[in-house]
Amino acid sequence: MKQEIARFEADFFKALGHPLRIRILAVLAQGERTVNEIQALTESEGSAVSQQLAVLRSKNIVYGTKNGTRVIYSLRDPMIKDLLMTAKAIFQNHLIDSIAMLDHVSKEDTYE
């Protein structure tokens, strides 16, 4: 059972492992959108957006609701927004640490 859960978690994170998918999720974290709106907000081609939405749908991360001829996409779980915010905070912490290390190294590497 533990191995199945770990596999599920790995598949979930794999689904997040594409820059356009992350941008799509960031857009959907602000509210539901159509493919055309997602395309415009991510500045990506429609076919690429549709392809990445299909991956996110297959992993139950987003879902689409038919509204006439349009499909409106939403996050399946609002906690995805929290996950994105946490990931961004972790990334910023790594950047801060890297900048501090570079600053320290540059001060040590004076050739006087």
C-alpha atoms as a PDB file:
ATOM      1  CA  MET A   1       0.000   0.000   0.000  1.00  0.00           C
ATOM      2  CA  LYS A   2       2.827   2.427   0.857  1.00  0.00           C
ATOM      3  CA  GLN A   3       4.401   1.763  -2.524  1.00  0.00           C
ATOM      4  CA  GLU A   4       1.100   2.490  -4.301  1.00  0.00           C
ATOM      5  CA  ILE A   5       0.748   5.783  -2.454  1.00  0.00           C
ATOM      6  CA  ALA A   6       4.330   6.720  -3.299  1.00  0.00           C
ATOM      7  CA  ARG A   7       3.674   5.878  -6.961  1.00  0.00           C
ATOM      8  CA  PHE A   8       0.516   8.020  -6.922  1.00  0.00           C
ATOM      9  CA  GLU A   9       2.460  10.920  -5.394  1.00  0.00           C
ATOM     10  CA  ALA A  10       5.262  10.540  -7.927  1.00  0.00           C
ATOM     11  CA  ASP A  11       2.762  10.541 -10.812  1.00  0.00           C
ATOM     12  CA  PHE A  12       1.106  13.631  -9.356  1.00  0.00           C
ATOM     13  CA  PHE A  13       4.407  15.513  -9.163  1.00  0.00           C
ATOM     14  CA  LYS A  14       5.374  14.301 -12.640  1.00  0.00           C
ATOM     15  CA  ALA A  15       2.185  15.888 -13.930  1.00  0.00           C
ATOM     16  CA  LEU A  16       3.393  19.174 -12.433  1.00  0.00           C
ATOM     17  CA  GLY A  17       6.819  18.763 -14.051  1.00  0.00           C
ATOM     18  CA  HIS A  18       6.299  20.980 -17.095  1.00  0.00           C
ATOM     19  CA  PRO A  19       6.649  24.784 -17.172  1.00  0.00           C
ATOM     20  CA  LEU A  20       3.471  25.326 -19.198  1.00  0.00           C
ATOM     21  CA  ARG A  21       1.472  23.112 -16.841  1.00  0.00           C
ATOM     22  CA  ILE A  22       2.664  25.199 -13.900  1.00  0.00           C
ATOM     23  CA  ARG A  23       1.679  28.395 -15.737  1.00  0.00           C
ATOM     24  CA  ILE A  24      -1.742  26.913 -16.544  1.00  0.00           C
ATOM     25  CA  LEU A  25      -2.263  25.997 -12.889  1.00  0.00           C
ATOM     26  CA  ALA A  26      -1.223  29.505 -11.826  1.00  0.00           C
ATOM     27  CA  VAL A  27      -3.845  30.943 -14.191  1.00  0.00           C
ATOM     28  CA  LEU A  28      -6.510  28.545 -12.920  1.00  0.00           C
ATOM     29  CA  ALA A  29      -5.578  29.368  -9.325  1.00  0.00           C
ATOM     30  CA  GLN A  30      -7.035  32.817 -10.069  1.00  0.00           C
ATOM     31  CA  GLY A  31     -10.313  31.342 -11.295  1.00  0.00           C
ATOM     32  CA  GLU A  32     -11.906  29.216 -13.973  1.00  0.00           C
ATOM     33  CA  ARG A  33     -10.955  29.887 -17.596  1.00  0.00           C
ATOM     34  CA  THR A  34     -11.570  28.730 -21.141  1.00  0.00           C
ATOM     35  CA  VAL A  35      -8.786  27.342 -23.321  1.00  0.00           C
ATOM     36  CA  ASN A  36      -8.648  30.636 -25.237  1.00  0.00           C
ATOM     37  CA  GLU A  37      -8.282  32.609 -22.007  1.00  0.00           C
ATOM     38  CA  ILE A  38      -5.583  30.245 -20.738  1.00  0.00           C
ATOM     39  CA  GLN A  39      -3.823  30.502 -24.084  1.00  0.00           C
ATOM     40  CA  ALA A  40      -3.825  34.305 -23.938  1.00  0.00           C
ATOM     41  CA  LEU A  41      -2.784  34.519 -20.289  1.00  0.00           C
ATOM     42  CA  THR A  42       0.065  32.022 -20.691  1.00  0.00           C
ATOM     43  CA  GLU A  43       1.056  33.476 -24.083  1.00  0.00           C
ATOM     44  CA  SER A  44       1.079  29.948 -25.525  1.00  0.00           C
ATOM     45  CA  GLU A  45      -0.308  28.265 -28.607  1.00  0.00           C
ATOM     46  CA  GLY A  46      -3.732  26.681 -28.314  1.00  0.00           C
ATOM     47  CA  SER A  47      -2.503  23.214 -29.276  1.00  0.00           C
ATOM     48  CA  ALA A  48       0.178  23.298 -26.570  1.00  0.00           C
ATOM     49  CA  VAL A  49      -2.332  24.469 -23.967  1.00  0.00           C
ATOM     50  CA  SER A  50      -4.820  21.768 -24.976  1.00  0.00           C
ATOM     51  CA  GLN A  51      -2.112  19.100 -24.817  1.00  0.00           C
ATOM     52  CA  GLN A  52      -1.020  20.155 -21.327  1.00  0.00           C
ATOM     53  CA  LEU A  53      -4.609  20.454 -20.109  1.00  0.00           C
ATOM     54  CA  ALA A  54      -5.144  16.853 -21.263  1.00  0.00           C
ATOM     55  CA  VAL A  55      -2.244  15.729 -19.060  1.00  0.00           C
ATOM     56  CA  LEU A  56      -3.588  17.675 -16.085  1.00  0.00           C
ATOM     57  CA  ARG A  57      -7.082  16.261 -16.661  1.00  0.00           C
ATOM     58  CA  SER A  58      -5.767  12.700 -16.900  1.00  0.00           C
ATOM     59  CA  LYS A  59      -4.171  13.115 -13.461  1.00  0.00           C
ATOM     60  CA  ASN A  60      -7.355  14.671 -12.016  1.00  0.00           C
ATOM     61  CA  ILE A  61      -5.625  17.959 -11.289  1.00  0.00           C
ATOM     62  CA  VAL A  62      -8.019  20.038 -13.390  1.00  0.00           C
ATOM     63  CA  TYR A  63     -11.450  19.403 -14.830  1.00  0.00           C
ATOM     64  CA  GLY A  64     -13.495  20.881 -17.617  1.00  0.00           C
ATOM     65  CA  THR A  65     -17.177  21.755 -17.589  1.00  0.00           C
ATOM     66  CA  LYS A  66     -19.002  22.097 -20.893  1.00  0.00           C
ATOM     67  CA  ASN A  67     -20.809  25.429 -21.284  1.00  0.00           C
ATOM     68  CA  GLY A  68     -22.411  25.525 -24.713  1.00  0.00           C
ATOM     69  CA  THR A  69     -19.571  25.174 -27.192  1.00  0.00           C
ATOM     70  CA  ARG A  70     -16.942  26.175 -24.639  1.00  0.00           C
ATOM     71  CA  VAL A  71     -15.196  24.159 -21.958  1.00  0.00           C
ATOM     72  CA  ILE A  72     -14.461  25.991 -18.717  1.00  0.00           C
ATOM     73  CA  TYR A  73     -11.433  24.659 -16.826  1.00  0.00           C
ATOM     74  CA  SER A  74     -10.982  24.745 -13.057  1.00  0.00           C
ATOM     75  CA  LEU A  75      -8.668  23.313 -10.434  1.00  0.00           C
ATOM     76  CA  ARG A  76     -10.071  20.060  -9.092  1.00  0.00           C
ATOM     77  CA  ASP A  77      -8.745  20.875  -5.611  1.00  0.00           C
ATOM     78  CA  PRO A  78      -8.302  24.458  -4.386  1.00  0.00           C
ATOM     79  CA  MET A  79      -5.300  23.307  -2.339  1.00  0.00           C
ATOM     80  CA  ILE A  80      -3.327  23.285  -5.613  1.00  0.00           C
ATOM     81  CA  LYS A  81      -3.123  27.056  -5.140  1.00  0.00           C
ATOM     82  CA  ASP A  82      -1.506  26.492  -1.717  1.00  0.00           C
ATOM     83  CA  LEU A  83       0.897  23.991  -3.269  1.00  0.00           C
ATOM     84  CA  LEU A  84       1.946  26.526  -5.912  1.00  0.00           C
ATOM     85  CA  MET A  85       2.454  29.212  -3.267  1.00  0.00           C
ATOM     86  CA  THR A  86       4.530  26.834  -1.139  1.00  0.00           C
ATOM     87  CA  ALA A  87       6.648  25.819  -4.136  1.00  0.00           C
ATOM     88  CA  LYS A  88       7.232  29.487  -4.961  1.00  0.00           C
ATOM     89  CA  ALA A  89       8.294  30.210  -1.363  1.00  0.00           C
ATOM     90  CA  ILE A  90      10.721  27.263  -1.424  1.00  0.00           C
ATOM     91  CA  PHE A  91      12.150  28.484  -4.726  1.00  0.00           C
ATOM     92  CA  GLN A  92      12.561  32.015  -3.348  1.00  0.00           C
ATOM     93  CA  ASN A  93      14.338  30.621  -0.267  1.00  0.00           C
ATOM     94  CA  HIS A  94      16.756  28.753  -2.528  1.00  0.00           C
ATOM     95  CA  LEU A  95      17.383  31.939  -4.493  1.00  0.00           C
ATOM     96  CA  ILE A  96      18.000  33.927  -1.322  1.00  0.00           C
ATOM     97  CA  ASP A  97      20.464  31.271  -0.112  1.00  0.00           C
ATOM     98  CA  SER A  98      22.216  31.226  -3.501  1.00  0.00           C
ATOM     99  CA  ILE A  99      22.479  35.010  -3.603  1.00  0.00           C
ATOM    100  CA  ALA A 100      23.878  35.089  -0.065  1.00  0.00           C
ATOM    101  CA  MET A 101      26.425  32.396  -0.968  1.00  0.00           C
ATOM    102  CA  LEU A 102      27.475  34.257  -4.134  1.00  0.00           C
ATOM    103  CA  ASP A 103      27.789  37.479  -2.169  1.00  0.00           C
ATOM    104  CA  HIS A 104      29.952  35.728   0.432  1.00  0.00           C
ATOM    105  CA  VAL A 105      32.146  34.106  -2.228  1.00  0.00           C
ATOM    106  CA  SER A 106      32.585  37.364  -4.137  1.00  0.00           C
ATOM    107  CA  LYS A 107      33.731  39.119  -0.941  1.00  0.00           C
ATOM    108  CA  GLU A 108      36.251  36.350  -0.246  1.00  0.00           C
ATOM    109  CA  ASP A 109      37.639  36.341  -3.760  1.00  0.00           C
ATOM    110  CA  THR A 110      39.299  39.730  -3.638  1.00  0.00           C
ATOM    111  CA  TYR A 111      42.736  39.747  -5.198  1.00  0.00           C
ATOM    112  CA  GLU A 112      44.431  42.386  -3.185  1.00  0.00           C
END
